[in-house]
Amino acid sequence: MRVATSDALEQVIILGGGALRLSANEFRREVEAAKVEIAEILRRNNSARSPVSNMEKAMKAALDKRNNPR
């Protein structure tokens, strides 16, 4: 277990209990770094995705076939 606190007494208690601790500032830096990493992953995934997915193409074809039987 990891506990984020900047309270010195709580940190001593946490360490004495066998848990890991990090300061509030360290936790904030980790969260900000994760946000940047997630944004980069989403940017890469969204730019690699075709404008129309295969599922969308299949659905459109099925609807076209249903609406325009030959």
PDB file of N, CA and C in Angstrom:
ATOM      1  N   MET A   1       0.843  -1.163   0.000  1.00  0.00           N
ATOM      2  CA  MET A   1       0.000   0.000   0.000  1.00  0.00           C
ATOM      3  C   MET A   1       0.897   1.237   0.000  1.00  0.00           C
ATOM      4  N   ARG A   2       0.478   2.233  -0.755  1.00  0.00           N
ATOM      5  CA  ARG A   2       1.186   3.517  -0.770  1.00  0.00           C
ATOM      6  C   ARG A   2       0.244   4.592  -0.271  1.00  0.00           C
ATOM      7  N   VAL A   3       0.776   5.480   0.555  1.00  0.00           N
ATOM      8  CA  VAL A   3      -0.024   6.557   1.118  1.00  0.00           C
ATOM      9  C   VAL A   3       0.629   7.878   0.748  1.00  0.00           C
ATOM     10  N   ALA A   4      -0.192   8.816   0.244  1.00  0.00           N
ATOM     11  CA  ALA A   4       0.311  10.144  -0.103  1.00  0.00           C
ATOM     12  C   ALA A   4      -0.064  11.107   1.009  1.00  0.00           C
ATOM     13  N   THR A   5       0.937  11.649   1.679  1.00  0.00           N
ATOM     14  CA  THR A   5       0.711  12.657   2.711  1.00  0.00           C
ATOM     15  C   THR A   5       1.992  13.453   2.916  1.00  0.00           C
ATOM     16  N   SER A   6       1.820  14.699   3.263  1.00  0.00           N
ATOM     17  CA  SER A   6       2.980  15.528   3.590  1.00  0.00           C
ATOM     18  C   SER A   6       3.082  15.752   5.096  1.00  0.00           C
ATOM     19  N   ASP A   7       2.202  15.135   5.840  1.00  0.00           N
ATOM     20  CA  ASP A   7       2.212  15.248   7.296  1.00  0.00           C
ATOM     21  C   ASP A   7       3.312  14.342   7.855  1.00  0.00           C
ATOM     22  N   ALA A   8       4.293  14.940   8.556  1.00  0.00           N
ATOM     23  CA  ALA A   8       5.458  14.185   9.031  1.00  0.00           C
ATOM     24  C   ALA A   8       5.068  13.074  10.001  1.00  0.00           C
ATOM     25  N   LEU A   9       4.170  13.334  10.942  1.00  0.00           N
ATOM     26  CA  LEU A   9       3.773  12.317  11.905  1.00  0.00           C
ATOM     27  C   LEU A   9       3.073  11.158  11.208  1.00  0.00           C
ATOM     28  N   GLU A  10       2.200  11.464  10.265  1.00  0.00           N
ATOM     29  CA  GLU A  10       1.525  10.391   9.514  1.00  0.00           C
ATOM     30  C   GLU A  10       2.547   9.564   8.744  1.00  0.00           C
ATOM     31  N   GLN A  11       3.563  10.207   8.185  1.00  0.00           N
ATOM     32  CA  GLN A  11       4.582   9.466   7.443  1.00  0.00           C
ATOM     33  C   GLN A  11       5.305   8.475   8.346  1.00  0.00           C
ATOM     34  N   VAL A  12       5.620   8.877   9.580  1.00  0.00           N
ATOM     35  CA  VAL A  12       6.291   7.984  10.524  1.00  0.00           C
ATOM     36  C   VAL A  12       5.389   6.787  10.836  1.00  0.00           C
ATOM     37  N   ILE A  13       4.110   7.060  11.084  1.00  0.00           N
ATOM     38  CA  ILE A  13       3.155   5.991  11.392  1.00  0.00           C
ATOM     39  C   ILE A  13       3.024   5.038  10.204  1.00  0.00           C
ATOM     40  N   ILE A  14       2.940   5.607   8.999  1.00  0.00           N
ATOM     41  CA  ILE A  14       2.798   4.810   7.775  1.00  0.00           C
ATOM     42  C   ILE A  14       4.006   3.901   7.590  1.00  0.00           C
ATOM     43  N   LEU A  15       5.188   4.471   7.724  1.00  0.00           N
ATOM     44  CA  LEU A  15       6.404   3.676   7.566  1.00  0.00           C
ATOM     45  C   LEU A  15       6.489   2.596   8.637  1.00  0.00           C
ATOM     46  N   GLY A  16       6.078   2.934   9.858  1.00  0.00           N
ATOM     47  CA  GLY A  16       6.087   1.957  10.948  1.00  0.00           C
ATOM     48  C   GLY A  16       5.122   0.818  10.693  1.00  0.00           C
ATOM     49  N   GLY A  17       4.056   1.089   9.957  1.00  0.00           N
ATOM     50  CA  GLY A  17       3.077   0.055   9.630  1.00  0.00           C
ATOM     51  C   GLY A  17       3.460  -0.779   8.427  1.00  0.00           C
ATOM     52  N   GLY A  18       4.562  -0.442   7.797  1.00  0.00           N
ATOM     53  CA  GLY A  18       5.041  -1.236   6.663  1.00  0.00           C
ATOM     54  C   GLY A  18       4.557  -0.767   5.305  1.00  0.00           C
ATOM     55  N   ALA A  19       3.813   0.321   5.262  1.00  0.00           N
ATOM     56  CA  ALA A  19       3.343   0.839   3.980  1.00  0.00           C
ATOM     57  C   ALA A  19       4.394   1.773   3.383  1.00  0.00           C
ATOM     58  N   LEU A  20       4.233   2.069   2.137  1.00  0.00           N
ATOM     59  CA  LEU A  20       5.109   3.029   1.473  1.00  0.00           C
ATOM     60  C   LEU A  20       4.457   4.397   1.529  1.00  0.00           C
ATOM     61  N   ARG A  21       5.251   5.423   1.546  1.00  0.00           N
ATOM     62  CA  ARG A  21       4.677   6.771   1.582  1.00  0.00           C
ATOM     63  C   ARG A  21       5.330   7.629   0.519  1.00  0.00           C
ATOM     64  N   LEU A  22       4.569   8.623   0.085  1.00  0.00           N
ATOM     65  CA  LEU A  22       5.111   9.644  -0.784  1.00  0.00           C
ATOM     66  C   LEU A  22       4.441  10.952  -0.413  1.00  0.00           C
ATOM     67  N   SER A  23       5.138  12.025  -0.648  1.00  0.00           N
ATOM     68  CA  SER A  23       4.589  13.329  -0.289  1.00  0.00           C
ATOM     69  C   SER A  23       3.493  13.721  -1.264  1.00  0.00           C
ATOM     70  N   ALA A  24       2.706  14.693  -0.855  1.00  0.00           N
ATOM     71  CA  ALA A  24       1.646  15.187  -1.725  1.00  0.00           C
ATOM     72  C   ALA A  24       2.231  15.727  -3.028  1.00  0.00           C
ATOM     73  N   ASN A  25       3.384  16.383  -2.948  1.00  0.00           N
ATOM     74  CA  ASN A  25       4.030  16.920  -4.162  1.00  0.00           C
ATOM     75  C   ASN A  25       4.504  15.801  -5.082  1.00  0.00           C
ATOM     76  N   GLU A  26       5.056  14.742  -4.517  1.00  0.00           N
ATOM     77  CA  GLU A  26       5.468  13.597  -5.337  1.00  0.00           C
ATOM     78  C   GLU A  26       4.257  12.965  -6.019  1.00  0.00           C
ATOM     79  N   PHE A  27       3.173  12.844  -5.268  1.00  0.00           N
ATOM     80  CA  PHE A  27       1.948  12.279  -5.830  1.00  0.00           C
ATOM     81  C   PHE A  27       1.427  13.151  -6.965  1.00  0.00           C
ATOM     82  N   ARG A  28       1.435  14.468  -6.779  1.00  0.00           N
ATOM     83  CA  ARG A  28       0.989  15.389  -7.830  1.00  0.00           C
ATOM     84  C   ARG A  28       1.838  15.221  -9.079  1.00  0.00           C
ATOM     85  N   ARG A  29       3.159  15.098  -8.910  1.00  0.00           N
ATOM     86  CA  ARG A  29       4.041  14.906 -10.071  1.00  0.00           C
ATOM     87  C   ARG A  29       3.722  13.596 -10.796  1.00  0.00           C
ATOM     88  N   GLU A  30       3.450  12.539 -10.035  1.00  0.00           N
ATOM     89  CA  GLU A  30       3.092  11.259 -10.653  1.00  0.00           C
ATOM     90  C   GLU A  30       1.797  11.372 -11.445  1.00  0.00           C
ATOM     91  N   VAL A  31       0.807  12.049 -10.875  1.00  0.00           N
ATOM     92  CA  VAL A  31      -0.481  12.216 -11.560  1.00  0.00           C
ATOM     93  C   VAL A  31      -0.294  13.030 -12.834  1.00  0.00           C
ATOM     94  N   GLU A  32       0.459  14.114 -12.754  1.00  0.00           N
ATOM     95  CA  GLU A  32       0.698  14.949 -13.940  1.00  0.00           C
ATOM     96  C   GLU A  32       1.439  14.163 -15.017  1.00  0.00           C
ATOM     97  N   ALA A  33       2.429  13.364 -14.621  1.00  0.00           N
ATOM     98  CA  ALA A  33       3.172  12.555 -15.591  1.00  0.00           C
ATOM     99  C   ALA A  33       2.242  11.522 -16.243  1.00  0.00           C
ATOM    100  N   ALA A  34       1.354  10.925 -15.451  1.00  0.00           N
ATOM    101  CA  ALA A  34       0.405   9.953 -15.999  1.00  0.00           C
ATOM    102  C   ALA A  34      -0.546  10.629 -16.984  1.00  0.00           C
ATOM    103  N   LYS A  35      -0.983  11.850 -16.677  1.00  0.00           N
ATOM    104  CA  LYS A  35      -1.873  12.574 -17.592  1.00  0.00           C
ATOM    105  C   LYS A  35      -1.195  12.823 -18.925  1.00  0.00           C
ATOM    106  N   VAL A  36       0.072  13.206 -18.885  1.00  0.00           N
ATOM    107  CA  VAL A  36       0.828  13.450 -20.118  1.00  0.00           C
ATOM    108  C   VAL A  36       0.966  12.151 -20.913  1.00  0.00           C
ATOM    109  N   GLU A  37       1.280  11.063 -20.211  1.00  0.00           N
ATOM    110  CA  GLU A  37       1.449   9.776 -20.883  1.00  0.00           C
ATOM    111  C   GLU A  37       0.137   9.299 -21.503  1.00  0.00           C
ATOM    112  N   ILE A  38      -0.967   9.446 -20.789  1.00  0.00           N
ATOM    113  CA  ILE A  38      -2.272   9.041 -21.310  1.00  0.00           C
ATOM    114  C   ILE A  38      -2.639   9.880 -22.531  1.00  0.00           C
ATOM    115  N   ALA A  39      -2.396  11.195 -22.452  1.00  0.00           N
ATOM    116  CA  ALA A  39      -2.700  12.067 -23.585  1.00  0.00           C
ATOM    117  C   ALA A  39      -1.903  11.663 -24.822  1.00  0.00           C
ATOM    118  N   GLU A  40      -0.641  11.285 -24.625  1.00  0.00           N
ATOM    119  CA  GLU A  40       0.201  10.862 -25.750  1.00  0.00           C
ATOM    120  C   GLU A  40      -0.315   9.550 -26.346  1.00  0.00           C
ATOM    121  N   ILE A  41      -0.696   8.614 -25.496  1.00  0.00           N
ATOM    122  CA  ILE A  41      -1.236   7.339 -25.980  1.00  0.00           C
ATOM    123  C   ILE A  41      -2.521   7.580 -26.770  1.00  0.00           C
ATOM    124  N   LEU A  42      -3.402   8.410 -26.246  1.00  0.00           N
ATOM    125  CA  LEU A  42      -4.646   8.717 -26.951  1.00  0.00           C
ATOM    126  C   LEU A  42      -4.380   9.416 -28.279  1.00  0.00           C
ATOM    127  N   ARG A  43      -3.418  10.342 -28.290  1.00  0.00           N
ATOM    128  CA  ARG A  43      -3.077  11.040 -29.527  1.00  0.00           C
ATOM    129  C   ARG A  43      -2.591  10.058 -30.583  1.00  0.00           C
ATOM    130  N   ARG A  44      -1.697   9.139 -30.171  1.00  0.00           N
ATOM    131  CA  ARG A  44      -1.179   8.138 -31.117  1.00  0.00           C
ATOM    132  C   ARG A  44      -2.290   7.227 -31.609  1.00  0.00           C
ATOM    133  N   ASN A  45      -3.125   6.755 -30.707  1.00  0.00           N
ATOM    134  CA  ASN A  45      -4.199   5.835 -31.092  1.00  0.00           C
ATOM    135  C   ASN A  45      -5.226   6.520 -31.982  1.00  0.00           C
ATOM    136  N   ASN A  46      -5.566   7.761 -31.679  1.00  0.00           N
ATOM    137  CA  ASN A  46      -6.572   8.468 -32.472  1.00  0.00           C
ATOM    138  C   ASN A  46      -6.045   8.845 -33.843  1.00  0.00           C
ATOM    139  N   SER A  47      -4.757   9.146 -33.958  1.00  0.00           N
ATOM    140  CA  SER A  47      -4.215   9.509 -35.263  1.00  0.00           C
ATOM    141  C   SER A  47      -4.031   8.270 -36.136  1.00  0.00           C
ATOM    142  N   ALA A  48      -3.846   7.109 -35.515  1.00  0.00           N
ATOM    143  CA  ALA A  48      -3.665   5.870 -36.276  1.00  0.00           C
ATOM    144  C   ALA A  48      -4.997   5.292 -36.728  1.00  0.00           C
ATOM    145  N   ARG A  49      -6.067   5.676 -36.077  1.00  0.00           N
ATOM    146  CA  ARG A  49      -7.397   5.133 -36.391  1.00  0.00           C
ATOM    147  C   ARG A  49      -7.907   5.760 -37.680  1.00  0.00           C
ATOM    148  N   SER A  50      -8.429   4.917 -38.532  1.00  0.00           N
ATOM    149  CA  SER A  50      -8.994   5.442 -39.772  1.00  0.00           C
ATOM    150  C   SER A  50     -10.260   6.231 -39.450  1.00  0.00           C
ATOM    151  N   PRO A  51     -10.618   7.183 -40.285  1.00  0.00           N
ATOM    152  CA  PRO A  51     -11.814   7.989 -40.013  1.00  0.00           C
ATOM    153  C   PRO A  51     -13.078   7.154 -39.892  1.00  0.00           C
ATOM    154  N   VAL A  52     -13.155   6.075 -40.650  1.00  0.00           N
ATOM    155  CA  VAL A  52     -14.320   5.198 -40.586  1.00  0.00           C
ATOM    156  C   VAL A  52     -13.816   3.796 -40.258  1.00  0.00           C
ATOM    157  N   SER A  53     -14.231   3.280 -39.123  1.00  0.00           N
ATOM    158  CA  SER A  53     -13.764   1.965 -38.705  1.00  0.00           C
ATOM    159  C   SER A  53     -14.401   0.873 -39.560  1.00  0.00           C
ATOM    160  N   ASN A  54     -13.831  -0.307 -39.484  1.00  0.00           N
ATOM    161  CA  ASN A  54     -14.375  -1.451 -40.222  1.00  0.00           C
ATOM    162  C   ASN A  54     -15.799  -1.745 -39.789  1.00  0.00           C
ATOM    163  N   MET A  55     -16.087  -1.605 -38.490  1.00  0.00           N
ATOM    164  CA  MET A  55     -17.438  -1.855 -37.993  1.00  0.00           C
ATOM    165  C   MET A  55     -18.411  -0.854 -38.608  1.00  0.00           C
ATOM    166  N   GLU A  56     -18.014   0.406 -38.670  1.00  0.00           N
ATOM    167  CA  GLU A  56     -18.882   1.427 -39.267  1.00  0.00           C
ATOM    168  C   GLU A  56     -19.136   1.120 -40.742  1.00  0.00           C
ATOM    169  N   LYS A  57     -18.098   0.682 -41.458  1.00  0.00           N
ATOM    170  CA  LYS A  57     -18.252   0.327 -42.867  1.00  0.00           C
ATOM    171  C   LYS A  57     -19.225  -0.832 -43.027  1.00  0.00           C
ATOM    172  N   ALA A  58     -19.088  -1.855 -42.175  1.00  0.00           N
ATOM    173  CA  ALA A  58     -19.961  -3.024 -42.253  1.00  0.00           C
ATOM    174  C   ALA A  58     -21.401  -2.643 -41.946  1.00  0.00           C
ATOM    175  N   MET A  59     -21.603  -1.801 -40.947  1.00  0.00           N
ATOM    176  CA  MET A  59     -22.960  -1.381 -40.602  1.00  0.00           C
ATOM    177  C   MET A  59     -23.588  -0.579 -41.740  1.00  0.00           C
ATOM    178  N   LYS A  60     -22.801   0.311 -42.340  1.00  0.00           N
ATOM    179  CA  LYS A  60     -23.315   1.109 -43.448  1.00  0.00           C
ATOM    180  C   LYS A  60     -23.683   0.216 -44.627  1.00  0.00           C
ATOM    181  N   ALA A  61     -22.839  -0.749 -44.936  1.00  0.00           N
ATOM    182  CA  ALA A  61     -23.114  -1.662 -46.043  1.00  0.00           C
ATOM    183  C   ALA A  61     -24.382  -2.469 -45.778  1.00  0.00           C
ATOM    184  N   ALA A  62     -24.548  -2.945 -44.540  1.00  0.00           N
ATOM    185  CA  ALA A  62     -25.742  -3.732 -44.206  1.00  0.00           C
ATOM    186  C   ALA A  62     -27.003  -2.878 -44.310  1.00  0.00           C
ATOM    187  N   LEU A  63     -26.940  -1.640 -43.847  1.00  0.00           N
ATOM    188  CA  LEU A  63     -28.101  -0.755 -43.944  1.00  0.00           C
ATOM    189  C   LEU A  63     -28.412  -0.404 -45.393  1.00  0.00           C
ATOM    190  N   ASP A  64     -27.365  -0.148 -46.177  1.00  0.00           N
ATOM    191  CA  ASP A  64     -27.573   0.152 -47.600  1.00  0.00           C
ATOM    192  C   ASP A  64     -28.240  -1.032 -48.302  1.00  0.00           C
ATOM    193  N   LYS A  65     -27.774  -2.238 -48.008  1.00  0.00           N
ATOM    194  CA  LYS A  65     -28.330  -3.440 -48.624  1.00  0.00           C
ATOM    195  C   LYS A  65     -29.793  -3.636 -48.210  1.00  0.00           C
ATOM    196  N   ARG A  66     -30.088  -3.356 -46.956  1.00  0.00           N
ATOM    197  CA  ARG A  66     -31.451  -3.506 -46.457  1.00  0.00           C
ATOM    198  C   ARG A  66     -32.385  -2.461 -47.058  1.00  0.00           C
ATOM    199  N   ASN A  67     -31.893  -1.251 -47.214  1.00  0.00           N
ATOM    200  CA  ASN A  67     -32.713  -0.161 -47.728  1.00  0.00           C
ATOM    201  C   ASN A  67     -32.818  -0.149 -49.257  1.00  0.00           C
ATOM    202  N   ASN A  68     -31.876  -0.801 -49.920  1.00  0.00           N
ATOM    203  CA  ASN A  68     -31.860  -0.824 -51.383  1.00  0.00           C
ATOM    204  C   ASN A  68     -31.706  -2.260 -51.891  1.00  0.00           C
ATOM    205  N   PRO A  69     -32.671  -3.133 -51.626  1.00  0.00           N
ATOM    206  CA  PRO A  69     -32.531  -4.535 -52.082  1.00  0.00           C
ATOM    207  C   PRO A  69     -32.574  -4.591 -53.608  1.00  0.00           C
ATOM    208  N   ARG A  70     -31.835  -5.531 -54.161  1.00  0.00           N
ATOM    209  CA  ARG A  70     -31.809  -5.656 -55.631  1.00  0.00           C
ATOM    210  C   ARG A  70     -32.231  -7.001 -56.047  1.00  0.00           C
TER     211      ARG A  70
END
